N, C-alpha and C. Protein backbone atom coordinates (compact mmCIF):
# COMPACT_ATOMS: atom_id res chain seq x y z
N MET A 1 0.86 -1.19 0.00
CA MET A 1 0.00 0.00 0.00
C MET A 1 0.89 1.24 0.00
N LYS A 2 0.63 2.13 -0.94
CA LYS A 2 1.38 3.39 -1.02
C LYS A 2 0.58 4.47 -0.33
N THR A 3 1.29 5.36 0.35
CA THR A 3 0.66 6.43 1.09
C THR A 3 1.39 7.74 0.83
N ALA A 4 0.60 8.82 0.72
CA ALA A 4 1.17 10.17 0.54
C ALA A 4 0.23 11.16 1.21
N SER A 5 0.75 12.34 1.44
CA SER A 5 -0.03 13.40 2.08
C SER A 5 -0.22 14.56 1.11
N ILE A 6 -1.45 15.05 1.00
CA ILE A 6 -1.73 16.21 0.17
C ILE A 6 -1.41 17.48 0.95
N GLU A 7 -1.91 17.53 2.16
CA GLU A 7 -1.64 18.63 3.09
C GLU A 7 -1.82 18.06 4.49
N GLU A 8 -1.63 18.88 5.49
CA GLU A 8 -1.78 18.39 6.86
C GLU A 8 -3.21 17.92 7.10
N GLY A 9 -3.36 16.70 7.54
CA GLY A 9 -4.69 16.16 7.83
C GLY A 9 -5.36 15.50 6.64
N VAL A 10 -4.70 15.45 5.49
CA VAL A 10 -5.27 14.81 4.29
C VAL A 10 -4.27 13.78 3.77
N VAL A 11 -4.65 12.50 3.89
CA VAL A 11 -3.75 11.40 3.53
C VAL A 11 -4.38 10.56 2.42
N VAL A 12 -3.57 10.23 1.42
CA VAL A 12 -4.00 9.40 0.29
C VAL A 12 -3.40 8.01 0.48
N ASN A 13 -4.26 6.99 0.45
CA ASN A 13 -3.82 5.60 0.55
C ASN A 13 -4.23 4.87 -0.73
N VAL A 14 -3.27 4.30 -1.44
CA VAL A 14 -3.57 3.48 -2.60
C VAL A 14 -3.76 2.06 -2.07
N LEU A 15 -4.99 1.56 -2.13
CA LEU A 15 -5.32 0.26 -1.56
C LEU A 15 -5.05 -0.89 -2.54
N ARG A 16 -5.30 -0.65 -3.81
CA ARG A 16 -5.08 -1.67 -4.84
C ARG A 16 -4.52 -1.01 -6.08
N GLU A 17 -3.57 -1.65 -6.68
CA GLU A 17 -3.07 -1.18 -7.97
C GLU A 17 -2.89 -2.40 -8.87
N ARG A 18 -3.20 -2.19 -10.13
CA ARG A 18 -3.10 -3.27 -11.10
C ARG A 18 -2.54 -2.70 -12.39
N TYR A 19 -1.54 -3.37 -12.95
CA TYR A 19 -1.00 -2.92 -14.22
C TYR A 19 -1.71 -3.67 -15.33
N ASN A 20 -2.34 -2.94 -16.24
CA ASN A 20 -3.04 -3.51 -17.37
C ASN A 20 -2.08 -3.51 -18.56
N LYS A 21 -1.54 -4.68 -18.90
CA LYS A 21 -0.52 -4.79 -19.95
C LYS A 21 -1.08 -4.44 -21.33
N ILE A 22 -2.32 -4.79 -21.57
CA ILE A 22 -2.92 -4.58 -22.88
C ILE A 22 -3.07 -3.08 -23.19
N ILE A 23 -3.52 -2.33 -22.19
CA ILE A 23 -3.78 -0.90 -22.38
C ILE A 23 -2.57 -0.05 -22.01
N ASN A 24 -1.59 -0.62 -21.32
CA ASN A 24 -0.41 0.12 -20.84
C ASN A 24 -0.77 1.19 -19.83
N ARG A 25 -1.51 0.80 -18.80
CA ARG A 25 -1.85 1.76 -17.76
C ARG A 25 -1.86 1.05 -16.41
N THR A 26 -1.69 1.85 -15.37
CA THR A 26 -1.81 1.36 -14.00
C THR A 26 -3.16 1.82 -13.48
N GLU A 27 -3.96 0.89 -12.99
CA GLU A 27 -5.30 1.19 -12.48
C GLU A 27 -5.25 1.20 -10.96
N LEU A 28 -5.67 2.29 -10.37
CA LEU A 28 -5.57 2.48 -8.92
C LEU A 28 -6.93 2.57 -8.27
N PHE A 29 -7.04 1.99 -7.08
CA PHE A 29 -8.22 2.11 -6.23
C PHE A 29 -7.71 2.49 -4.86
N GLY A 30 -8.30 3.52 -4.26
CA GLY A 30 -7.78 3.96 -2.98
C GLY A 30 -8.75 4.80 -2.19
N GLU A 31 -8.22 5.37 -1.11
CA GLU A 31 -9.04 6.20 -0.23
C GLU A 31 -8.26 7.45 0.13
N VAL A 32 -9.02 8.48 0.48
CA VAL A 32 -8.45 9.72 0.98
C VAL A 32 -9.08 9.97 2.34
N ILE A 33 -8.25 10.09 3.36
CA ILE A 33 -8.73 10.41 4.70
C ILE A 33 -8.51 11.91 4.88
N HIS A 34 -9.60 12.64 5.12
CA HIS A 34 -9.51 14.10 5.24
C HIS A 34 -10.24 14.55 6.50
N LEU A 35 -9.55 14.42 7.62
CA LEU A 35 -10.14 14.77 8.91
C LEU A 35 -10.33 16.27 9.05
N GLY A 36 -11.58 16.68 9.21
CA GLY A 36 -11.90 18.09 9.40
C GLY A 36 -11.70 18.94 8.15
N LYS A 37 -11.53 18.33 7.02
CA LYS A 37 -11.30 19.06 5.77
C LYS A 37 -12.33 18.64 4.74
N ALA A 38 -12.44 19.41 3.69
CA ALA A 38 -13.34 19.09 2.58
C ALA A 38 -12.72 17.99 1.71
N THR A 39 -13.52 17.39 0.88
CA THR A 39 -13.02 16.41 -0.08
C THR A 39 -11.97 17.09 -0.95
N PRO A 40 -10.82 16.48 -1.15
CA PRO A 40 -9.76 17.13 -1.93
C PRO A 40 -10.15 17.32 -3.40
N ARG A 41 -9.57 18.32 -4.01
CA ARG A 41 -9.83 18.59 -5.43
C ARG A 41 -9.16 17.54 -6.30
N ARG A 42 -9.71 17.32 -7.47
CA ARG A 42 -9.14 16.37 -8.43
C ARG A 42 -7.68 16.72 -8.74
N SER A 43 -7.42 18.00 -8.92
CA SER A 43 -6.06 18.43 -9.29
C SER A 43 -5.05 18.08 -8.20
N SER A 44 -5.44 18.22 -6.93
CA SER A 44 -4.54 17.88 -5.83
C SER A 44 -4.26 16.39 -5.80
N LEU A 45 -5.29 15.59 -5.96
CA LEU A 45 -5.14 14.14 -5.97
C LEU A 45 -4.29 13.70 -7.16
N LYS A 46 -4.51 14.33 -8.30
CA LYS A 46 -3.76 14.03 -9.51
C LYS A 46 -2.26 14.27 -9.30
N GLU A 47 -1.92 15.39 -8.70
CA GLU A 47 -0.52 15.74 -8.45
C GLU A 47 0.15 14.76 -7.50
N VAL A 48 -0.57 14.37 -6.45
CA VAL A 48 -0.01 13.44 -5.47
C VAL A 48 0.22 12.07 -6.10
N LEU A 49 -0.74 11.58 -6.88
CA LEU A 49 -0.58 10.28 -7.52
C LEU A 49 0.55 10.31 -8.56
N ALA A 50 0.66 11.40 -9.29
CA ALA A 50 1.75 11.54 -10.26
C ALA A 50 3.10 11.51 -9.55
N ARG A 51 3.20 12.19 -8.43
CA ARG A 51 4.44 12.19 -7.66
C ARG A 51 4.76 10.79 -7.11
N LEU A 52 3.74 10.09 -6.62
CA LEU A 52 3.93 8.75 -6.08
C LEU A 52 4.45 7.76 -7.12
N TYR A 53 3.98 7.90 -8.36
CA TYR A 53 4.33 6.96 -9.42
C TYR A 53 5.36 7.49 -10.40
N GLY A 54 5.89 8.67 -10.12
CA GLY A 54 6.97 9.22 -10.94
C GLY A 54 6.55 9.58 -12.36
N LYS A 55 5.33 10.07 -12.52
CA LYS A 55 4.80 10.47 -13.83
C LYS A 55 4.42 11.94 -13.79
N SER A 56 4.15 12.48 -14.96
CA SER A 56 3.64 13.84 -15.06
C SER A 56 2.13 13.81 -14.76
N PRO A 57 1.57 14.84 -14.13
CA PRO A 57 0.13 14.86 -13.84
C PRO A 57 -0.76 14.73 -15.08
N GLU A 58 -0.26 15.08 -16.26
CA GLU A 58 -1.08 14.97 -17.46
C GLU A 58 -1.33 13.51 -17.86
N TYR A 59 -0.56 12.57 -17.31
CA TYR A 59 -0.76 11.14 -17.58
C TYR A 59 -1.74 10.48 -16.61
N VAL A 60 -2.24 11.24 -15.65
CA VAL A 60 -3.14 10.71 -14.62
C VAL A 60 -4.57 11.16 -14.91
N VAL A 61 -5.50 10.22 -14.84
CA VAL A 61 -6.93 10.52 -15.00
C VAL A 61 -7.66 10.03 -13.76
N ILE A 62 -8.37 10.93 -13.10
CA ILE A 62 -9.19 10.56 -11.94
C ILE A 62 -10.57 10.19 -12.46
N LYS A 63 -10.94 8.93 -12.30
CA LYS A 63 -12.25 8.47 -12.77
C LYS A 63 -13.35 9.02 -11.86
N TYR A 64 -13.15 8.89 -10.55
CA TYR A 64 -14.12 9.46 -9.60
C TYR A 64 -13.49 9.61 -8.22
N ILE A 65 -14.09 10.52 -7.46
CA ILE A 65 -13.83 10.65 -6.02
C ILE A 65 -15.20 10.66 -5.38
N ARG A 66 -15.48 9.71 -4.54
CA ARG A 66 -16.79 9.63 -3.88
C ARG A 66 -16.62 9.78 -2.38
N SER A 67 -17.30 10.78 -1.85
CA SER A 67 -17.28 11.00 -0.41
C SER A 67 -18.38 10.19 0.24
N GLU A 68 -18.07 9.67 1.39
CA GLU A 68 -19.06 8.93 2.15
C GLU A 68 -19.71 9.89 3.15
N TYR A 69 -21.01 9.94 3.12
CA TYR A 69 -21.75 10.89 3.94
C TYR A 69 -21.44 10.67 5.42
N GLY A 70 -21.15 11.76 6.11
CA GLY A 70 -20.93 11.72 7.55
C GLY A 70 -19.58 11.20 7.98
N SER A 71 -18.69 10.96 7.04
CA SER A 71 -17.36 10.51 7.43
C SER A 71 -16.31 11.40 6.78
N HIS A 72 -15.11 11.21 7.20
CA HIS A 72 -14.01 11.99 6.64
C HIS A 72 -13.18 11.10 5.74
N ARG A 73 -13.87 10.33 4.92
CA ARG A 73 -13.21 9.37 4.03
C ARG A 73 -13.86 9.44 2.65
N SER A 74 -13.04 9.45 1.63
CA SER A 74 -13.51 9.40 0.25
C SER A 74 -12.77 8.27 -0.44
N VAL A 75 -13.43 7.64 -1.39
CA VAL A 75 -12.78 6.60 -2.19
C VAL A 75 -12.58 7.14 -3.60
N PHE A 76 -11.54 6.65 -4.27
CA PHE A 76 -11.27 7.13 -5.62
C PHE A 76 -10.83 5.98 -6.52
N ARG A 77 -10.93 6.24 -7.81
CA ARG A 77 -10.40 5.34 -8.84
C ARG A 77 -9.67 6.22 -9.83
N ALA A 78 -8.47 5.80 -10.20
CA ALA A 78 -7.64 6.59 -11.12
C ALA A 78 -6.87 5.67 -12.05
N ASN A 79 -6.50 6.20 -13.20
CA ASN A 79 -5.66 5.49 -14.16
C ASN A 79 -4.42 6.34 -14.45
N ILE A 80 -3.27 5.67 -14.53
CA ILE A 80 -2.03 6.35 -14.90
C ILE A 80 -1.52 5.69 -16.17
N TYR A 81 -1.38 6.48 -17.21
CA TYR A 81 -1.00 5.97 -18.52
C TYR A 81 0.49 6.13 -18.77
N GLU A 82 1.00 5.34 -19.70
CA GLU A 82 2.40 5.40 -20.11
C GLU A 82 2.62 6.47 -21.17
N ASP A 83 1.59 6.76 -21.98
CA ASP A 83 1.71 7.80 -23.00
C ASP A 83 0.36 8.47 -23.24
N LEU A 84 0.42 9.70 -23.75
CA LEU A 84 -0.80 10.49 -23.96
C LEU A 84 -1.69 9.94 -25.07
N GLN A 85 -1.10 9.28 -26.04
CA GLN A 85 -1.88 8.72 -27.14
C GLN A 85 -2.88 7.68 -26.62
N ARG A 86 -2.41 6.80 -25.75
CA ARG A 86 -3.29 5.79 -25.15
C ARG A 86 -4.35 6.45 -24.27
N LEU A 87 -3.95 7.44 -23.51
CA LEU A 87 -4.89 8.15 -22.63
C LEU A 87 -6.03 8.73 -23.45
N LYS A 88 -5.72 9.42 -24.53
CA LYS A 88 -6.75 10.06 -25.35
C LYS A 88 -7.63 9.04 -26.06
N PHE A 89 -7.08 7.84 -26.34
CA PHE A 89 -7.86 6.81 -27.01
C PHE A 89 -8.87 6.15 -26.06
N PHE A 90 -8.45 5.89 -24.81
CA PHE A 90 -9.28 5.12 -23.89
C PHE A 90 -10.16 5.96 -22.96
N GLU A 91 -9.78 7.18 -22.68
CA GLU A 91 -10.54 7.98 -21.72
C GLU A 91 -11.50 8.92 -22.45
N PRO A 92 -12.70 9.10 -21.91
CA PRO A 92 -13.65 10.03 -22.51
C PRO A 92 -13.15 11.48 -22.40
N ASP A 93 -13.52 12.29 -23.36
CA ASP A 93 -13.08 13.68 -23.40
C ASP A 93 -13.46 14.46 -22.15
N TYR A 94 -14.65 14.21 -21.61
CA TYR A 94 -15.09 14.99 -20.45
C TYR A 94 -14.19 14.73 -19.23
N LEU A 95 -13.65 13.52 -19.09
CA LEU A 95 -12.75 13.25 -17.98
C LEU A 95 -11.39 13.91 -18.18
N ILE A 96 -10.93 13.95 -19.41
CA ILE A 96 -9.66 14.60 -19.72
C ILE A 96 -9.77 16.10 -19.45
N LYS A 97 -10.88 16.71 -19.85
CA LYS A 97 -11.08 18.15 -19.63
C LYS A 97 -11.26 18.49 -18.16
N ARG A 98 -11.85 17.58 -17.40
CA ARG A 98 -12.11 17.80 -15.98
C ARG A 98 -10.84 17.98 -15.17
N GLY A 99 -9.82 17.30 -15.60
CA GLY A 99 -8.54 17.43 -14.90
C GLY A 99 -8.30 16.39 -13.85
């Protein structure tokens, strides 16, 4: 399990990662613990995951961040690609524009 911090009180835990050889991407499933803070922005999560995996943030796509009502925990799904050509082929335009 990989762990990183976005800011004080906000911790990202990658719970599962899988490398998809056919598509050339790493698929991540994880959680963000944000005690007393709002759900983190996609851009912040993107930067932290890029730093964790040694990639540029433009190669990271956040599929979703879902907050659980009444808790300080959110779950996320993200993909990290090896090249932009594959990213643009497999990911919908609205997710790429979202950041």
